[in-house]
Amino acid sequence: MELIESVKAALASTAPKDRPANDSEGAYWCDDCAVRIRDADLEGEPVCPDCGAEMRFERSTGRDCAC
């Protein structure tokens, strides 16, 4: 009986959210340097801080956040 109650309790628990709650819709990526900056953290133009190249925007999809 304890096994059934343990399974019920495990299924009833809420799963933690993988995404931070700050309105982030994705991240900017530098393909040359592999630098990533979340859109919520970006200040100004999307330019790579390491090489100065323009960064591309990539939306996050699913539960796996690009954060």
C-alpha atoms as a PDB file:
ATOM      1  CA  MET A   1       0.000   0.000   0.000  1.00  0.00           C
ATOM      2  CA  GLU A   2       2.878   2.379   0.726  1.00  0.00           C
ATOM      3  CA  LEU A   3       4.198   1.923  -2.804  1.00  0.00           C
ATOM      4  CA  ILE A   4       0.889   3.058  -4.309  1.00  0.00           C
ATOM      5  CA  GLU A   5       0.780   6.099  -2.034  1.00  0.00           C
ATOM      6  CA  SER A   6       4.390   6.983  -2.961  1.00  0.00           C
ATOM      7  CA  VAL A   7       3.597   6.763  -6.669  1.00  0.00           C
ATOM      8  CA  LYS A   8       0.489   8.924  -6.221  1.00  0.00           C
ATOM      9  CA  ALA A   9       2.474  11.538  -4.303  1.00  0.00           C
ATOM     10  CA  ALA A  10       5.205  11.604  -6.949  1.00  0.00           C
ATOM     11  CA  LEU A  11       2.712  12.042  -9.773  1.00  0.00           C
ATOM     12  CA  ALA A  12       0.824  14.765  -7.901  1.00  0.00           C
ATOM     13  CA  SER A  13       3.905  16.934  -7.258  1.00  0.00           C
ATOM     14  CA  THR A  14       4.497  19.892  -9.529  1.00  0.00           C
ATOM     15  CA  ALA A  15       7.456  19.904 -11.865  1.00  0.00           C
ATOM     16  CA  PRO A  16       9.898  22.795 -11.520  1.00  0.00           C
ATOM     17  CA  LYS A  17       9.957  25.326 -14.329  1.00  0.00           C
ATOM     18  CA  ASP A  18      13.113  25.308 -16.405  1.00  0.00           C
ATOM     19  CA  ARG A  19      12.644  28.852 -17.684  1.00  0.00           C
ATOM     20  CA  PRO A  20      13.253  31.980 -15.675  1.00  0.00           C
ATOM     21  CA  ALA A  21      10.208  34.231 -15.390  1.00  0.00           C
ATOM     22  CA  ASN A  22      11.538  37.437 -16.944  1.00  0.00           C
ATOM     23  CA  ASP A  23       9.917  37.602 -20.387  1.00  0.00           C
ATOM     24  CA  SER A  24      12.897  36.154 -22.266  1.00  0.00           C
ATOM     25  CA  GLU A  25      11.960  34.971 -25.753  1.00  0.00           C
ATOM     26  CA  GLY A  26      15.347  33.578 -26.755  1.00  0.00           C
ATOM     27  CA  ALA A  27      18.998  34.523 -27.053  1.00  0.00           C
ATOM     28  CA  TYR A  28      21.485  36.145 -29.387  1.00  0.00           C
ATOM     29  CA  TRP A  29      24.302  33.924 -30.640  1.00  0.00           C
ATOM     30  CA  CYS A  30      27.710  34.644 -32.157  1.00  0.00           C
ATOM     31  CA  ASP A  31      28.445  31.806 -34.550  1.00  0.00           C
ATOM     32  CA  ASP A  32      32.160  32.646 -34.658  1.00  0.00           C
ATOM     33  CA  CYS A  33      32.827  32.728 -30.912  1.00  0.00           C
ATOM     34  CA  ALA A  34      29.927  30.579 -29.623  1.00  0.00           C
ATOM     35  CA  VAL A  35      28.965  33.430 -27.268  1.00  0.00           C
ATOM     36  CA  ARG A  36      25.337  33.539 -26.145  1.00  0.00           C
ATOM     37  CA  ILE A  37      23.481  36.447 -24.551  1.00  0.00           C
ATOM     38  CA  ARG A  38      19.848  36.143 -23.484  1.00  0.00           C
ATOM     39  CA  ASP A  39      17.617  38.825 -24.992  1.00  0.00           C
ATOM     40  CA  ALA A  40      16.505  39.880 -21.495  1.00  0.00           C
ATOM     41  CA  ASP A  41      20.156  40.500 -20.541  1.00  0.00           C
ATOM     42  CA  LEU A  42      21.126  42.394 -23.691  1.00  0.00           C
ATOM     43  CA  GLU A  43      21.691  46.118 -23.438  1.00  0.00           C
ATOM     44  CA  GLY A  44      21.929  47.926 -26.768  1.00  0.00           C
ATOM     45  CA  GLU A  45      22.750  46.363 -30.129  1.00  0.00           C
ATOM     46  CA  PRO A  46      23.256  42.590 -30.515  1.00  0.00           C
ATOM     47  CA  VAL A  47      27.017  42.707 -31.056  1.00  0.00           C
ATOM     48  CA  CYS A  48      29.393  40.027 -29.807  1.00  0.00           C
ATOM     49  CA  PRO A  49      31.456  41.322 -26.863  1.00  0.00           C
ATOM     50  CA  ASP A  50      34.413  39.116 -27.880  1.00  0.00           C
ATOM     51  CA  CYS A  51      34.785  39.746 -31.624  1.00  0.00           C
ATOM     52  CA  GLY A  52      32.379  42.604 -32.427  1.00  0.00           C
ATOM     53  CA  ALA A  53      30.394  40.613 -35.018  1.00  0.00           C
ATOM     54  CA  GLU A  54      26.627  40.957 -35.298  1.00  0.00           C
ATOM     55  CA  MET A  55      24.820  38.236 -33.355  1.00  0.00           C
ATOM     56  CA  ARG A  56      21.807  36.289 -34.645  1.00  0.00           C
ATOM     57  CA  PHE A  57      18.587  35.863 -32.658  1.00  0.00           C
ATOM     58  CA  GLU A  58      17.326  32.384 -31.904  1.00  0.00           C
ATOM     59  CA  ARG A  59      13.995  31.778 -30.211  1.00  0.00           C
ATOM     60  CA  SER A  60      13.788  29.189 -27.505  1.00  0.00           C
ATOM     61  CA  THR A  61      11.353  26.374 -28.182  1.00  0.00           C
ATOM     62  CA  GLY A  62       9.925  23.731 -25.909  1.00  0.00           C
ATOM     63  CA  ARG A  63      10.850  23.429 -22.253  1.00  0.00           C
ATOM     64  CA  ASP A  64      14.606  23.482 -22.838  1.00  0.00           C
ATOM     65  CA  CYS A  65      15.553  27.117 -22.457  1.00  0.00           C
ATOM     66  CA  ALA A  66      18.508  28.629 -24.254  1.00  0.00           C
ATOM     67  CA  CYS A  67      19.278  30.298 -20.953  1.00  0.00           C
END
